[in-house]
Amino acid sequence: MLKTLSGFKRLNADIPEELFKEFAKRCIEEGVSKKDSLVQLLEKEFFKNSKK
């Protein structure tokens, strides 16, 4: 089992296969890892109002 770094939380979710395939395809097209893509998406969604 992988250990999570201090200050981080592990994300675990059941995602529909088609949605995951589309997500993976976009990550490949953009040349970014799935982890980095998720971090960017979450930061954009949750911190969009605080950066103004």
PDB file of N, CA and C in Angstrom:
ATOM      1  N   MET A   1       0.847  -1.189   0.000  1.00  0.00           N
ATOM      2  CA  MET A   1       0.000   0.000   0.000  1.00  0.00           C
ATOM      3  C   MET A   1       0.883   1.240   0.000  1.00  0.00           C
ATOM      4  N   LEU A   2       0.551   2.186  -0.843  1.00  0.00           N
ATOM      5  CA  LEU A   2       1.320   3.417  -0.948  1.00  0.00           C
ATOM      6  C   LEU A   2       1.042   4.337   0.223  1.00  0.00           C
ATOM      7  N   LYS A   3       2.079   5.020   0.650  1.00  0.00           N
ATOM      8  CA  LYS A   3       1.900   5.988   1.727  1.00  0.00           C
ATOM      9  C   LYS A   3       1.644   7.359   1.107  1.00  0.00           C
ATOM     10  N   THR A   4       0.824   8.138   1.755  1.00  0.00           N
ATOM     11  CA  THR A   4       0.526   9.486   1.307  1.00  0.00           C
ATOM     12  C   THR A   4       1.466  10.445   2.021  1.00  0.00           C
ATOM     13  N   LEU A   5       2.004  11.398   1.273  1.00  0.00           N
ATOM     14  CA  LEU A   5       2.917  12.379   1.848  1.00  0.00           C
ATOM     15  C   LEU A   5       2.210  13.229   2.892  1.00  0.00           C
ATOM     16  N   SER A   6       2.971  13.716   3.836  1.00  0.00           N
ATOM     17  CA  SER A   6       2.425  14.599   4.861  1.00  0.00           C
ATOM     18  C   SER A   6       1.829  15.839   4.202  1.00  0.00           C
ATOM     19  N   GLY A   7       0.659  16.243   4.639  1.00  0.00           N
ATOM     20  CA  GLY A   7      -0.010  17.406   4.060  1.00  0.00           C
ATOM     21  C   GLY A   7      -0.865  17.083   2.843  1.00  0.00           C
ATOM     22  N   PHE A   8      -0.947  15.824   2.465  1.00  0.00           N
ATOM     23  CA  PHE A   8      -1.741  15.399   1.323  1.00  0.00           C
ATOM     24  C   PHE A   8      -2.802  14.404   1.782  1.00  0.00           C
ATOM     25  N   LYS A   9      -3.854  14.277   1.014  1.00  0.00           N
ATOM     26  CA  LYS A   9      -4.906  13.288   1.257  1.00  0.00           C
ATOM     27  C   LYS A   9      -5.061  12.447   0.002  1.00  0.00           C
ATOM     28  N   ARG A  10      -5.315  11.168   0.164  1.00  0.00           N
ATOM     29  CA  ARG A  10      -5.508  10.268  -0.961  1.00  0.00           C
ATOM     30  C   ARG A  10      -6.956  10.379  -1.445  1.00  0.00           C
ATOM     31  N   LEU A  11      -7.128  10.402  -2.751  1.00  0.00           N
ATOM     32  CA  LEU A  11      -8.450  10.491  -3.365  1.00  0.00           C
ATOM     33  C   LEU A  11      -8.793   9.126  -3.959  1.00  0.00           C
ATOM     34  N   ASN A  12      -9.943   8.588  -3.581  1.00  0.00           N
ATOM     35  CA  ASN A  12     -10.373   7.293  -4.074  1.00  0.00           C
ATOM     36  C   ASN A  12     -11.859   7.394  -4.420  1.00  0.00           C
ATOM     37  N   ALA A  13     -12.190   7.098  -5.666  1.00  0.00           N
ATOM     38  CA  ALA A  13     -13.585   7.203  -6.082  1.00  0.00           C
ATOM     39  C   ALA A  13     -13.879   6.211  -7.201  1.00  0.00           C
ATOM     40  N   ASP A  14     -15.098   5.736  -7.249  1.00  0.00           N
ATOM     41  CA  ASP A  14     -15.555   4.908  -8.363  1.00  0.00           C
ATOM     42  C   ASP A  14     -16.074   5.849  -9.443  1.00  0.00           C
ATOM     43  N   ILE A  15     -15.480   5.759 -10.629  1.00  0.00           N
ATOM     44  CA  ILE A  15     -15.817   6.647 -11.735  1.00  0.00           C
ATOM     45  C   ILE A  15     -16.299   5.789 -12.901  1.00  0.00           C
ATOM     46  N   PRO A  16     -17.385   6.202 -13.567  1.00  0.00           N
ATOM     47  CA  PRO A  16     -17.840   5.436 -14.729  1.00  0.00           C
ATOM     48  C   PRO A  16     -16.713   5.288 -15.760  1.00  0.00           C
ATOM     49  N   GLU A  17     -16.623   4.108 -16.363  1.00  0.00           N
ATOM     50  CA  GLU A  17     -15.523   3.788 -17.278  1.00  0.00           C
ATOM     51  C   GLU A  17     -15.409   4.771 -18.437  1.00  0.00           C
ATOM     52  N   GLU A  18     -16.513   5.137 -19.051  1.00  0.00           N
ATOM     53  CA  GLU A  18     -16.472   6.063 -20.192  1.00  0.00           C
ATOM     54  C   GLU A  18     -15.932   7.435 -19.778  1.00  0.00           C
ATOM     55  N   LEU A  19     -16.340   7.909 -18.616  1.00  0.00           N
ATOM     56  CA  LEU A  19     -15.856   9.193 -18.111  1.00  0.00           C
ATOM     57  C   LEU A  19     -14.357   9.134 -17.843  1.00  0.00           C
ATOM     58  N   PHE A  20     -13.898   8.035 -17.261  1.00  0.00           N
ATOM     59  CA  PHE A  20     -12.475   7.884 -16.981  1.00  0.00           C
ATOM     60  C   PHE A  20     -11.673   7.817 -18.278  1.00  0.00           C
ATOM     61  N   LYS A  21     -12.189   7.100 -19.270  1.00  0.00           N
ATOM     62  CA  LYS A  21     -11.494   7.007 -20.558  1.00  0.00           C
ATOM     63  C   LYS A  21     -11.350   8.386 -21.192  1.00  0.00           C
ATOM     64  N   GLU A  22     -12.392   9.196 -21.134  1.00  0.00           N
ATOM     65  CA  GLU A  22     -12.333  10.551 -21.688  1.00  0.00           C
ATOM     66  C   GLU A  22     -11.317  11.395 -20.915  1.00  0.00           C
ATOM     67  N   PHE A  23     -11.316  11.267 -19.607  1.00  0.00           N
ATOM     68  CA  PHE A  23     -10.361  11.987 -18.770  1.00  0.00           C
ATOM     69  C   PHE A  23      -8.924  11.586 -19.108  1.00  0.00           C
ATOM     70  N   ALA A  24      -8.673  10.287 -19.220  1.00  0.00           N
ATOM     71  CA  ALA A  24      -7.328   9.797 -19.548  1.00  0.00           C
ATOM     72  C   ALA A  24      -6.899  10.270 -20.933  1.00  0.00           C
ATOM     73  N   LYS A  25      -7.822  10.250 -21.876  1.00  0.00           N
ATOM     74  CA  LYS A  25      -7.534  10.700 -23.245  1.00  0.00           C
ATOM     75  C   LYS A  25      -7.131  12.171 -23.242  1.00  0.00           C
ATOM     76  N   ARG A  26      -7.852  13.005 -22.503  1.00  0.00           N
ATOM     77  CA  ARG A  26      -7.515  14.434 -22.426  1.00  0.00           C
ATOM     78  C   ARG A  26      -6.163  14.664 -21.768  1.00  0.00           C
ATOM     79  N   CYS A  27      -5.861  13.868 -20.745  1.00  0.00           N
ATOM     80  CA  CYS A  27      -4.557  13.985 -20.078  1.00  0.00           C
ATOM     81  C   CYS A  27      -3.427  13.693 -21.059  1.00  0.00           C
ATOM     82  N   ILE A  28      -3.601  12.649 -21.864  1.00  0.00           N
ATOM     83  CA  ILE A  28      -2.593  12.288 -22.861  1.00  0.00           C
ATOM     84  C   ILE A  28      -2.452  13.401 -23.897  1.00  0.00           C
ATOM     85  N   GLU A  29      -3.575  13.913 -24.392  1.00  0.00           N
ATOM     86  CA  GLU A  29      -3.549  14.981 -25.388  1.00  0.00           C
ATOM     87  C   GLU A  29      -2.856  16.237 -24.863  1.00  0.00           C
ATOM     88  N   GLU A  30      -3.066  16.555 -23.588  1.00  0.00           N
ATOM     89  CA  GLU A  30      -2.482  17.746 -22.990  1.00  0.00           C
ATOM     90  C   GLU A  30      -1.074  17.492 -22.456  1.00  0.00           C
ATOM     91  N   GLY A  31      -0.646  16.227 -22.431  1.00  0.00           N
ATOM     92  CA  GLY A  31       0.684  15.885 -21.956  1.00  0.00           C
ATOM     93  C   GLY A  31       0.872  16.112 -20.467  1.00  0.00           C
ATOM     94  N   VAL A  32      -0.179  15.879 -19.696  1.00  0.00           N
ATOM     95  CA  VAL A  32      -0.124  16.089 -18.256  1.00  0.00           C
ATOM     96  C   VAL A  32      -0.547  14.796 -17.551  1.00  0.00           C
ATOM     97  N   SER A  33       0.001  14.565 -16.368  1.00  0.00           N
ATOM     98  CA  SER A  33      -0.366  13.350 -15.631  1.00  0.00           C
ATOM     99  C   SER A  33      -1.796  13.474 -15.098  1.00  0.00           C
ATOM    100  N   LYS A  34      -2.408  12.341 -14.808  1.00  0.00           N
ATOM    101  CA  LYS A  34      -3.770  12.351 -14.260  1.00  0.00           C
ATOM    102  C   LYS A  34      -3.794  13.084 -12.923  1.00  0.00           C
ATOM    103  N   LYS A  35      -2.774  12.855 -12.106  1.00  0.00           N
ATOM    104  CA  LYS A  35      -2.696  13.523 -10.804  1.00  0.00           C
ATOM    105  C   LYS A  35      -2.640  15.043 -10.972  1.00  0.00           C
ATOM    106  N   ASP A  36      -1.743  15.519 -11.833  1.00  0.00           N
ATOM    107  CA  ASP A  36      -1.617  16.961 -12.041  1.00  0.00           C
ATOM    108  C   ASP A  36      -2.899  17.558 -12.628  1.00  0.00           C
ATOM    109  N   SER A  37      -3.533  16.817 -13.518  1.00  0.00           N
ATOM    110  CA  SER A  37      -4.778  17.284 -14.111  1.00  0.00           C
ATOM    111  C   SER A  37      -5.874  17.426 -13.060  1.00  0.00           C
ATOM    112  N   LEU A  38      -5.977  16.449 -12.171  1.00  0.00           N
ATOM    113  CA  LEU A  38      -6.984  16.513 -11.107  1.00  0.00           C
ATOM    114  C   LEU A  38      -6.707  17.664 -10.147  1.00  0.00           C
ATOM    115  N   VAL A  39      -5.441  17.863  -9.803  1.00  0.00           N
ATOM    116  CA  VAL A  39      -5.079  18.963  -8.905  1.00  0.00           C
ATOM    117  C   VAL A  39      -5.469  20.295  -9.556  1.00  0.00           C
ATOM    118  N   GLN A  40      -5.153  20.469 -10.834  1.00  0.00           N
ATOM    119  CA  GLN A  40      -5.500  21.704 -11.542  1.00  0.00           C
ATOM    120  C   GLN A  40      -7.010  21.908 -11.578  1.00  0.00           C
ATOM    121  N   LEU A  41      -7.741  20.852 -11.868  1.00  0.00           N
ATOM    122  CA  LEU A  41      -9.201  20.931 -11.939  1.00  0.00           C
ATOM    123  C   LEU A  41      -9.800  21.313 -10.589  1.00  0.00           C
ATOM    124  N   LEU A  42      -9.332  20.671  -9.517  1.00  0.00           N
ATOM    125  CA  LEU A  42      -9.850  20.968  -8.182  1.00  0.00           C
ATOM    126  C   LEU A  42      -9.484  22.390  -7.743  1.00  0.00           C
ATOM    127  N   GLU A  43      -8.254  22.814  -8.019  1.00  0.00           N
ATOM    128  CA  GLU A  43      -7.852  24.178  -7.661  1.00  0.00           C
ATOM    129  C   GLU A  43      -8.704  25.199  -8.408  1.00  0.00           C
ATOM    130  N   LYS A  44      -8.916  24.949  -9.706  1.00  0.00           N
ATOM    131  CA  LYS A  44      -9.723  25.871 -10.514  1.00  0.00           C
ATOM    132  C   LYS A  44     -11.153  25.950  -9.983  1.00  0.00           C
ATOM    133  N   GLU A  45     -11.715  24.800  -9.640  1.00  0.00           N
ATOM    134  CA  GLU A  45     -13.109  24.762  -9.182  1.00  0.00           C
ATOM    135  C   GLU A  45     -13.295  25.361  -7.782  1.00  0.00           C
ATOM    136  N   PHE A  46     -12.409  25.028  -6.874  1.00  0.00           N
ATOM    137  CA  PHE A  46     -12.606  25.440  -5.484  1.00  0.00           C
ATOM    138  C   PHE A  46     -11.964  26.767  -5.117  1.00  0.00           C
ATOM    139  N   PHE A  47     -10.982  27.200  -5.888  1.00  0.00           N
ATOM    140  CA  PHE A  47     -10.299  28.443  -5.548  1.00  0.00           C
ATOM    141  C   PHE A  47     -10.519  29.544  -6.573  1.00  0.00           C
ATOM    142  N   LYS A  48     -11.426  29.346  -7.526  1.00  0.00           N
ATOM    143  CA  LYS A  48     -11.626  30.328  -8.589  1.00  0.00           C
ATOM    144  C   LYS A  48     -12.069  31.682  -8.056  1.00  0.00           C
ATOM    145  N   ASN A  49     -12.881  31.721  -7.019  1.00  0.00           N
ATOM    146  CA  ASN A  49     -13.356  32.990  -6.480  1.00  0.00           C
ATOM    147  C   ASN A  49     -12.343  33.647  -5.550  1.00  0.00           C
ATOM    148  N   SER A  50     -11.488  32.870  -4.920  1.00  0.00           N
ATOM    149  CA  SER A  50     -10.537  33.427  -3.975  1.00  0.00           C
ATOM    150  C   SER A  50      -9.331  34.068  -4.637  1.00  0.00           C
ATOM    151  N   LYS A  51      -9.098  33.796  -5.935  1.00  0.00           N
ATOM    152  CA  LYS A  51      -7.943  34.352  -6.653  1.00  0.00           C
ATOM    153  C   LYS A  51      -8.266  35.680  -7.321  1.00  0.00           C
ATOM    154  N   LYS A  52      -9.484  36.167  -7.200  1.00  0.00           N
ATOM    155  CA  LYS A  52      -9.883  37.420  -7.850  1.00  0.00           C
ATOM    156  C   LYS A  52      -9.491  38.616  -7.024  1.00  0.00           C
TER     157      LYS A  52
END
